[in-house]
PDB file of all heavy atoms in Angstrom:
ATOM      1  N   VAL A   1      14.358 106.033 -39.280  1.00  0.00           N
ATOM      2  CA  VAL A   1      13.103 105.277 -39.155  1.00  0.00           C
ATOM      3  C   VAL A   1      12.729 105.059 -37.692  1.00  0.00           C
ATOM      4  O   VAL A   1      11.649 104.557 -37.394  1.00  0.00           O
ATOM      5  CB  VAL A   1      13.191 103.927 -39.880  1.00  0.00           C
ATOM      6  CG1 VAL A   1      13.391 104.150 -41.361  1.00  0.00           C
ATOM      7  CG2 VAL A   1      14.319 103.067 -39.302  1.00  0.00           C
ATOM      8  N   ALA A   2      13.607 105.415 -36.788  1.00  0.00           N
ATOM      9  CA  ALA A   2      13.318 105.328 -35.353  1.00  0.00           C
ATOM     10  C   ALA A   2      13.999 106.497 -34.659  1.00  0.00           C
ATOM     11  O   ALA A   2      15.075 106.932 -35.061  1.00  0.00           O
ATOM     12  CB  ALA A   2      13.811 104.004 -34.772  1.00  0.00           C
ATOM     13  N   GLN A   3      13.344 107.015 -33.624  1.00  0.00           N
ATOM     14  CA  GLN A   3      13.893 108.160 -32.913  1.00  0.00           C
ATOM     15  C   GLN A   3      13.500 108.108 -31.449  1.00  0.00           C
ATOM     16  O   GLN A   3      12.311 108.007 -31.126  1.00  0.00           O
ATOM     17  CB  GLN A   3      13.400 109.476 -33.524  1.00  0.00           C
ATOM     18  CG  GLN A   3      13.881 110.726 -32.822  1.00  0.00           C
ATOM     19  CD  GLN A   3      15.374 110.942 -32.980  1.00  0.00           C
ATOM     20  OE1 GLN A   3      15.926 110.637 -34.032  1.00  0.00           O
ATOM     21  NE2 GLN A   3      16.017 111.454 -31.958  1.00  0.00           N
ATOM     22  N   ALA A   4      14.485 108.144 -30.563  1.00  0.00           N
ATOM     23  CA  ALA A   4      14.238 108.280 -29.129  1.00  0.00           C
ATOM     24  C   ALA A   4      14.174 109.775 -28.828  1.00  0.00           C
ATOM     25  O   ALA A   4      15.196 110.459 -28.823  1.00  0.00           O
ATOM     26  CB  ALA A   4      15.342 107.616 -28.323  1.00  0.00           C
ATOM     27  N   VAL A   5      12.974 110.293 -28.594  1.00  0.00           N
ATOM     28  CA  VAL A   5      12.786 111.743 -28.532  1.00  0.00           C
ATOM     29  C   VAL A   5      13.000 112.327 -27.144  1.00  0.00           C
ATOM     30  O   VAL A   5      13.082 113.545 -26.983  1.00  0.00           O
ATOM     31  CB  VAL A   5      11.379 112.133 -29.032  1.00  0.00           C
ATOM     32  CG1 VAL A   5      11.237 111.783 -30.493  1.00  0.00           C
ATOM     33  CG2 VAL A   5      10.294 111.454 -28.216  1.00  0.00           C
ATOM     34  N   ASN A   6      13.066 111.478 -26.120  1.00  0.00           N
ATOM     35  CA  ASN A   6      13.327 111.950 -24.760  1.00  0.00           C
ATOM     36  C   ASN A   6      12.394 113.090 -24.380  1.00  0.00           C
ATOM     37  O   ASN A   6      12.805 114.172 -23.948  1.00  0.00           O
ATOM     38  CB  ASN A   6      14.788 112.397 -24.620  1.00  0.00           C
ATOM     39  CG  ASN A   6      15.183 112.679 -23.174  1.00  0.00           C
ATOM     40  OD1 ASN A   6      14.593 112.122 -22.250  1.00  0.00           O
ATOM     41  ND2 ASN A   6      16.181 113.525 -22.978  1.00  0.00           N
ATOM     42  N   GLY A   7      11.110 112.823 -24.540  1.00  0.00           N
ATOM     43  CA  GLY A   7      10.125 113.828 -24.160  1.00  0.00           C
ATOM     44  C   GLY A   7      10.102 115.050 -25.036  1.00  0.00           C
ATOM     45  O   GLY A   7       9.559 116.088 -24.647  1.00  0.00           O
ATOM     46  N   GLY A   8      10.665 114.958 -26.234  1.00  0.00           N
ATOM     47  CA  GLY A   8      10.693 116.086 -27.154  1.00  0.00           C
ATOM     48  C   GLY A   8      12.015 116.813 -27.181  1.00  0.00           C
ATOM     49  O   GLY A   8      12.217 117.703 -28.013  1.00  0.00           O
ATOM     50  N   ALA A   9      12.966 116.439 -26.305  1.00  0.00           N
ATOM     51  CA  ALA A   9      14.254 117.127 -26.238  1.00  0.00           C
ATOM     52  C   ALA A   9      15.198 116.709 -27.359  1.00  0.00           C
ATOM     53  O   ALA A   9      16.169 117.406 -27.640  1.00  0.00           O
ATOM     54  CB  ALA A   9      14.917 116.860 -24.888  1.00  0.00           C
ATOM     55  N   ALA A  10      14.929 115.566 -27.988  1.00  0.00           N
ATOM     56  CA  ALA A  10      15.777 115.073 -29.073  1.00  0.00           C
ATOM     57  C   ALA A  10      14.914 114.927 -30.323  1.00  0.00           C
ATOM     58  O   ALA A  10      14.377 113.854 -30.592  1.00  0.00           O
ATOM     59  CB  ALA A  10      16.414 113.738 -28.694  1.00  0.00           C
ATOM     60  N   PRO A  11      14.750 115.986 -31.113  1.00  0.00           N
ATOM     61  CA  PRO A  11      13.807 115.943 -32.235  1.00  0.00           C
ATOM     62  C   PRO A  11      14.220 114.938 -33.305  1.00  0.00           C
ATOM     63  O   PRO A  11      15.391 114.594 -33.468  1.00  0.00           O
ATOM     64  CB  PRO A  11      13.859 117.375 -32.791  1.00  0.00           C
ATOM     65  CG  PRO A  11      14.422 118.208 -31.689  1.00  0.00           C
ATOM     66  CD  PRO A  11      15.365 117.307 -30.953  1.00  0.00           C
ATOM     67  N   TRP A  12      13.214 114.494 -34.043  1.00  0.00           N
ATOM     68  CA  TRP A  12      13.424 113.709 -35.254  1.00  0.00           C
ATOM     69  C   TRP A  12      13.780 114.686 -36.359  1.00  0.00           C
ATOM     70  O   TRP A  12      13.071 115.648 -36.612  1.00  0.00           O
ATOM     71  CB  TRP A  12      12.139 112.953 -35.582  1.00  0.00           C
ATOM     72  CG  TRP A  12      12.156 112.161 -36.850  1.00  0.00           C
ATOM     73  CD1 TRP A  12      13.010 111.155 -37.184  1.00  0.00           C
ATOM     74  CD2 TRP A  12      11.250 112.308 -37.957  1.00  0.00           C
ATOM     75  NE1 TRP A  12      12.684 110.655 -38.426  1.00  0.00           N
ATOM     76  CE2 TRP A  12      11.606 111.337 -38.927  1.00  0.00           C
ATOM     77  CE3 TRP A  12      10.159 113.146 -38.215  1.00  0.00           C
ATOM     78  CZ2 TRP A  12      10.930 111.201 -40.128  1.00  0.00           C
ATOM     79  CZ3 TRP A  12       9.482 113.011 -39.411  1.00  0.00           C
ATOM     80  CH2 TRP A  12       9.872 112.045 -40.353  1.00  0.00           C
ATOM     81  N   ARG A  13      14.912 114.458 -37.062  1.00  0.00           N
ATOM     82  CA  ARG A  13      15.428 115.423 -38.038  1.00  0.00           C
ATOM     83  C   ARG A  13      15.633 114.754 -39.405  1.00  0.00           C
ATOM     84  O   ARG A  13      16.740 114.335 -39.745  1.00  0.00           O
ATOM     85  CB  ARG A  13      16.745 116.031 -37.559  1.00  0.00           C
ATOM     86  CG  ARG A  13      16.610 116.858 -36.280  1.00  0.00           C
ATOM     87  CD  ARG A  13      17.925 117.527 -35.909  1.00  0.00           C
ATOM     88  NE  ARG A  13      17.834 118.293 -34.695  1.00  0.00           N
ATOM     89  CZ  ARG A  13      17.389 119.553 -34.624  1.00  0.00           C
ATOM     90  NH1 ARG A  13      16.998 120.175 -35.734  1.00  0.00           N
ATOM     91  NH2 ARG A  13      17.332 120.190 -33.470  1.00  0.00           N
ATOM     92  N   PRO A  14      14.607 114.650 -40.211  1.00  0.00           N
ATOM     93  CA  PRO A  14      14.758 114.085 -41.557  1.00  0.00           C
ATOM     94  C   PRO A  14      15.266 115.133 -42.554  1.00  0.00           C
ATOM     95  O   PRO A  14      15.067 116.341 -42.372  1.00  0.00           O
ATOM     96  CB  PRO A  14      13.331 113.650 -41.903  1.00  0.00           C
ATOM     97  CG  PRO A  14      12.476 114.656 -41.170  1.00  0.00           C
ATOM     98  CD  PRO A  14      13.209 114.983 -39.899  1.00  0.00           C
ATOM     99  N   ARG A  15      15.929 114.642 -43.636  1.00  0.00           N
ATOM    100  CA  ARG A  15      16.417 115.534 -44.693  1.00  0.00           C
ATOM    101  C   ARG A  15      16.156 114.876 -46.057  1.00  0.00           C
ATOM    102  O   ARG A  15      16.271 113.660 -46.190  1.00  0.00           O
ATOM    103  CB  ARG A  15      17.913 115.816 -44.536  1.00  0.00           C
ATOM    104  CG  ARG A  15      18.276 116.551 -43.261  1.00  0.00           C
ATOM    105  CD  ARG A  15      19.761 116.878 -43.238  1.00  0.00           C
ATOM    106  NE  ARG A  15      20.587 115.666 -43.186  1.00  0.00           N
ATOM    107  CZ  ARG A  15      21.928 115.668 -43.298  1.00  0.00           C
ATOM    108  NH1 ARG A  15      22.566 116.810 -43.509  1.00  0.00           N
ATOM    109  NH2 ARG A  15      22.602 114.544 -43.219  1.00  0.00           N
ATOM    110  N   TRP A  16      15.841 115.715 -47.036  1.00  0.00           N
ATOM    111  CA  TRP A  16      15.626 115.249 -48.401  1.00  0.00           C
ATOM    112  C   TRP A  16      16.350 116.174 -49.368  1.00  0.00           C
ATOM    113  O   TRP A  16      16.271 117.397 -49.241  1.00  0.00           O
ATOM    114  CB  TRP A  16      14.140 115.241 -48.752  1.00  0.00           C
ATOM    115  CG  TRP A  16      13.301 114.354 -47.890  1.00  0.00           C
ATOM    116  CD1 TRP A  16      12.983 113.037 -48.106  1.00  0.00           C
ATOM    117  CD2 TRP A  16      12.642 114.714 -46.670  1.00  0.00           C
ATOM    118  NE1 TRP A  16      12.188 112.549 -47.106  1.00  0.00           N
ATOM    119  CE2 TRP A  16      11.962 113.558 -46.207  1.00  0.00           C
ATOM    120  CE3 TRP A  16      12.569 115.883 -45.910  1.00  0.00           C
ATOM    121  CZ2 TRP A  16      11.216 113.553 -45.032  1.00  0.00           C
ATOM    122  CZ3 TRP A  16      11.831 115.884 -44.745  1.00  0.00           C
ATOM    123  CH2 TRP A  16      11.167 114.732 -44.314  1.00  0.00           C
ATOM    124  N   TRP A  17      17.056 115.594 -50.336  1.00  0.00           N
ATOM    125  CA  TRP A  17      17.702 116.352 -51.396  1.00  0.00           C
ATOM    126  C   TRP A  17      16.858 116.238 -52.657  1.00  0.00           C
ATOM    127  O   TRP A  17      16.529 115.123 -53.102  1.00  0.00           O
ATOM    128  CB  TRP A  17      19.111 115.825 -51.657  1.00  0.00           C
ATOM    129  CG  TRP A  17      20.082 116.222 -50.592  1.00  0.00           C
ATOM    130  CD1 TRP A  17      20.902 117.310 -50.580  1.00  0.00           C
ATOM    131  CD2 TRP A  17      20.327 115.538 -49.357  1.00  0.00           C
ATOM    132  NE1 TRP A  17      21.650 117.353 -49.428  1.00  0.00           N
ATOM    133  CE2 TRP A  17      21.316 116.270 -48.652  1.00  0.00           C
ATOM    134  CE3 TRP A  17      19.817 114.386 -48.771  1.00  0.00           C
ATOM    135  CZ2 TRP A  17      21.799 115.881 -47.414  1.00  0.00           C
ATOM    136  CZ3 TRP A  17      20.294 113.989 -47.530  1.00  0.00           C
ATOM    137  CH2 TRP A  17      21.274 114.741 -46.866  1.00  0.00           C
ATOM    138  N   LEU A  18      16.495 117.392 -53.255  1.00  0.00           N
ATOM    139  CA  LEU A  18      15.558 117.428 -54.367  1.00  0.00           C
ATOM    140  C   LEU A  18      16.261 117.802 -55.663  1.00  0.00           C
ATOM    141  O   LEU A  18      17.334 118.429 -55.662  1.00  0.00           O
ATOM    142  CB  LEU A  18      14.443 118.424 -54.072  1.00  0.00           C
ATOM    143  CG  LEU A  18      13.710 118.219 -52.739  1.00  0.00           C
ATOM    144  CD1 LEU A  18      12.642 119.275 -52.567  1.00  0.00           C
ATOM    145  CD2 LEU A  18      13.099 116.831 -52.661  1.00  0.00           C
ATOM    146  N   SER A  19      15.618 117.450 -56.777  1.00  0.00           N
ATOM    147  CA  SER A  19      16.219 117.694 -58.086  1.00  0.00           C
ATOM    148  C   SER A  19      16.084 119.142 -58.531  1.00  0.00           C
ATOM    149  O   SER A  19      16.797 119.573 -59.444  1.00  0.00           O
ATOM    150  CB  SER A  19      15.562 116.779 -59.127  1.00  0.00           C
ATOM    151  OG  SER A  19      14.161 117.050 -59.224  1.00  0.00           O
ATOM    152  N   THR A  20      15.180 119.894 -57.922  1.00  0.00           N
ATOM    153  CA  THR A  20      14.975 121.287 -58.307  1.00  0.00           C
ATOM    154  C   THR A  20      14.826 122.148 -57.058  1.00  0.00           C
ATOM    155  O   THR A  20      14.473 121.653 -55.985  1.00  0.00           O
ATOM    156  CB  THR A  20      13.689 121.439 -59.152  1.00  0.00           C
ATOM    157  OG1 THR A  20      12.571 120.990 -58.381  1.00  0.00           O
ATOM    158  CG2 THR A  20      13.782 120.634 -60.431  1.00  0.00           C
ATOM    159  N   PRO A  21      15.076 123.447 -57.177  1.00  0.00           N
ATOM    160  CA  PRO A  21      14.792 124.344 -56.053  1.00  0.00           C
ATOM    161  C   PRO A  21      13.320 124.280 -55.667  1.00  0.00           C
ATOM    162  O   PRO A  21      12.444 124.050 -56.504  1.00  0.00           O
ATOM    163  CB  PRO A  21      15.180 125.728 -56.588  1.00  0.00           C
ATOM    164  CG  PRO A  21      16.161 125.449 -57.671  1.00  0.00           C
ATOM    165  CD  PRO A  21      15.708 124.169 -58.306  1.00  0.00           C
ATOM    166  N   THR A  22      13.046 124.502 -54.393  1.00  0.00           N
ATOM    167  CA  THR A  22      11.704 124.350 -53.843  1.00  0.00           C
ATOM    168  C   THR A  22      11.120 125.702 -53.470  1.00  0.00           C
ATOM    169  O   THR A  22      11.786 126.520 -52.827  1.00  0.00           O
ATOM    170  CB  THR A  22      11.761 123.445 -52.601  1.00  0.00           C
ATOM    171  OG1 THR A  22      12.255 122.165 -52.994  1.00  0.00           O
ATOM    172  CG2 THR A  22      10.394 123.280 -51.971  1.00  0.00           C
ATOM    173  N   ALA A  23       9.864 125.928 -53.860  1.00  0.00           N
ATOM    174  CA  ALA A  23       9.181 127.160 -53.479  1.00  0.00           C
ATOM    175  C   ALA A  23       8.611 127.061 -52.072  1.00  0.00           C
ATOM    176  O   ALA A  23       8.624 128.041 -51.321  1.00  0.00           O
ATOM    177  CB  ALA A  23       8.066 127.458 -54.468  1.00  0.00           C
ATOM    178  N   SER A  24       8.100 125.886 -51.712  1.00  0.00           N
ATOM    179  CA  SER A  24       7.552 125.665 -50.378  1.00  0.00           C
ATOM    180  C   SER A  24       7.447 124.160 -50.161  1.00  0.00           C
ATOM    181  O   SER A  24       7.434 123.377 -51.121  1.00  0.00           O
ATOM    182  CB  SER A  24       6.176 126.314 -50.214  1.00  0.00           C
ATOM    183  OG  SER A  24       5.247 125.735 -51.112  1.00  0.00           O
ATOM    184  N   TRP A  25       7.356 123.740 -48.905  1.00  0.00           N
ATOM    185  CA  TRP A  25       7.219 122.324 -48.602  1.00  0.00           C
ATOM    186  C   TRP A  25       6.340 122.124 -47.379  1.00  0.00           C
ATOM    187  O   TRP A  25       6.193 123.027 -46.554  1.00  0.00           O
ATOM    188  CB  TRP A  25       8.584 121.652 -48.382  1.00  0.00           C
ATOM    189  CG  TRP A  25       9.412 122.257 -47.276  1.00  0.00           C
ATOM    190  CD1 TRP A  25      10.336 123.245 -47.394  1.00  0.00           C
ATOM    191  CD2 TRP A  25       9.384 121.903 -45.884  1.00  0.00           C
ATOM    192  NE1 TRP A  25      10.890 123.548 -46.176  1.00  0.00           N
ATOM    193  CE2 TRP A  25      10.324 122.731 -45.229  1.00  0.00           C
ATOM    194  CE3 TRP A  25       8.661 120.978 -45.137  1.00  0.00           C
ATOM    195  CZ2 TRP A  25      10.550 122.653 -43.856  1.00  0.00           C
ATOM    196  CZ3 TRP A  25       8.889 120.902 -43.772  1.00  0.00           C
ATOM    197  CH2 TRP A  25       9.829 121.730 -43.143  1.00  0.00           C
ATOM    198  N   LYS A  26       5.736 120.935 -47.306  1.00  0.00           N
ATOM    199  CA  LYS A  26       4.880 120.590 -46.174  1.00  0.00           C
ATOM    200  C   LYS A  26       5.142 119.137 -45.788  1.00  0.00           C
ATOM    201  O   LYS A  26       5.192 118.258 -46.644  1.00  0.00           O
ATOM    202  CB  LYS A  26       3.409 120.789 -46.525  1.00  0.00           C
ATOM    203  CG  LYS A  26       2.450 120.452 -45.382  1.00  0.00           C
ATOM    204  CD  LYS A  26       1.020 120.833 -45.721  1.00  0.00           C
ATOM    205  CE  LYS A  26       0.429 119.919 -46.771  1.00  0.00           C
ATOM    206  NZ  LYS A  26      -1.009 120.178 -46.997  1.00  0.00           N
ATOM    207  N   LEU A  27       5.300 118.908 -44.491  1.00  0.00           N
ATOM    208  CA  LEU A  27       5.493 117.563 -43.952  1.00  0.00           C
ATOM    209  C   LEU A  27       4.338 117.267 -42.999  1.00  0.00           C
ATOM    210  O   LEU A  27       4.151 117.967 -42.008  1.00  0.00           O
ATOM    211  CB  LEU A  27       6.827 117.472 -43.209  1.00  0.00           C
ATOM    212  CG  LEU A  27       7.150 116.131 -42.541  1.00  0.00           C
ATOM    213  CD1 LEU A  27       7.331 115.043 -43.587  1.00  0.00           C
ATOM    214  CD2 LEU A  27       8.405 116.243 -41.672  1.00  0.00           C
ATOM    215  N   THR A  28       3.559 116.230 -43.311  1.00  0.00           N
ATOM    216  CA  THR A  28       2.427 115.843 -42.479  1.00  0.00           C
ATOM    217  C   THR A  28       2.730 114.526 -41.798  1.00  0.00           C
ATOM    218  O   THR A  28       3.106 113.558 -42.455  1.00  0.00           O
ATOM    219  CB  THR A  28       1.147 115.698 -43.321  1.00  0.00           C
ATOM    220  OG1 THR A  28       0.882 116.929 -43.987  1.00  0.00           O
ATOM    221  CG2 THR A  28      -0.042 115.338 -42.446  1.00  0.00           C
ATOM    222  N   VAL A  29       2.556 114.503 -40.471  1.00  0.00           N
ATOM    223  CA  VAL A  29       2.806 113.299 -39.674  1.00  0.00           C
ATOM    224  C   VAL A  29       1.472 112.802 -39.144  1.00  0.00           C
ATOM    225  O   VAL A  29       0.682 113.573 -38.599  1.00  0.00           O
ATOM    226  CB  VAL A  29       3.769 113.598 -38.505  1.00  0.00           C
ATOM    227  CG1 VAL A  29       4.069 112.319 -37.726  1.00  0.00           C
ATOM    228  CG2 VAL A  29       5.072 114.209 -39.024  1.00  0.00           C
ATOM    229  N   ARG A  30       1.229 111.490 -39.308  1.00  0.00           N
ATOM    230  CA  ARG A  30      -0.027 110.893 -38.876  1.00  0.00           C
ATOM    231  C   ARG A  30       0.227 109.682 -37.987  1.00  0.00           C
ATOM    232  O   ARG A  30       1.274 109.027 -38.099  1.00  0.00           O
ATOM    233  CB  ARG A  30      -0.859 110.437 -40.088  1.00  0.00           C
ATOM    234  CG  ARG A  30      -1.266 111.555 -41.015  1.00  0.00           C
ATOM    235  CD  ARG A  30      -2.043 111.027 -42.215  1.00  0.00           C
ATOM    236  NE  ARG A  30      -2.453 112.101 -43.108  1.00  0.00           N
ATOM    237  CZ  ARG A  30      -3.564 112.800 -42.979  1.00  0.00           C
ATOM    238  NH1 ARG A  30      -4.414 112.487 -42.015  1.00  0.00           N
ATOM    239  NH2 ARG A  30      -3.856 113.771 -43.803  1.00  0.00           N
ATOM    240  N   SER A  31      -0.734 109.395 -37.125  1.00  0.00           N
ATOM    241  CA  SER A  31      -0.690 108.159 -36.353  1.00  0.00           C
ATOM    242  C   SER A  31      -0.772 106.989 -37.317  1.00  0.00           C
ATOM    243  O   SER A  31      -1.640 106.943 -38.191  1.00  0.00           O
ATOM    244  CB  SER A  31      -1.853 108.103 -35.367  1.00  0.00           C
ATOM    245  OG  SER A  31      -2.019 106.797 -34.858  1.00  0.00           O
ATOM    246  N   ALA A  32       0.132 106.027 -37.169  1.00  0.00           N
ATOM    247  CA  ALA A  32       0.132 104.877 -38.071  1.00  0.00           C
ATOM    248  C   ALA A  32      -1.065 103.983 -37.838  1.00  0.00           C
ATOM    249  O   ALA A  32      -1.462 103.228 -38.734  1.00  0.00           O
ATOM    250  CB  ALA A  32       1.417 104.082 -37.907  1.00  0.00           C
ATOM    251  N   THR A  33      -1.656 104.041 -36.666  1.00  0.00           N
ATOM    252  CA  THR A  33      -2.789 103.168 -36.364  1.00  0.00           C
ATOM    253  C   THR A  33      -4.122 103.798 -36.737  1.00  0.00           C
ATOM    254  O   THR A  33      -4.942 103.184 -37.412  1.00  0.00           O
ATOM    255  CB  THR A  33      -2.805 102.794 -34.876  1.00  0.00           C
ATOM    256  OG1 THR A  33      -2.695 103.976 -34.078  1.00  0.00           O
ATOM    257  CG2 THR A  33      -1.641 101.873 -34.542  1.00  0.00           C
TER     258      THR A  33
END
C-alpha cells in the first residue's frame, strides 16, 4: 500500500493469485485526487 520508488529505480510490485488461468490482464493506475 506504500512504495518508496526512488525516482523509479524501486518499482511497485503487486501480485494477485487467481482462481482460474488468465487469458490476459490489465492494471490501470489513476491519480487518487
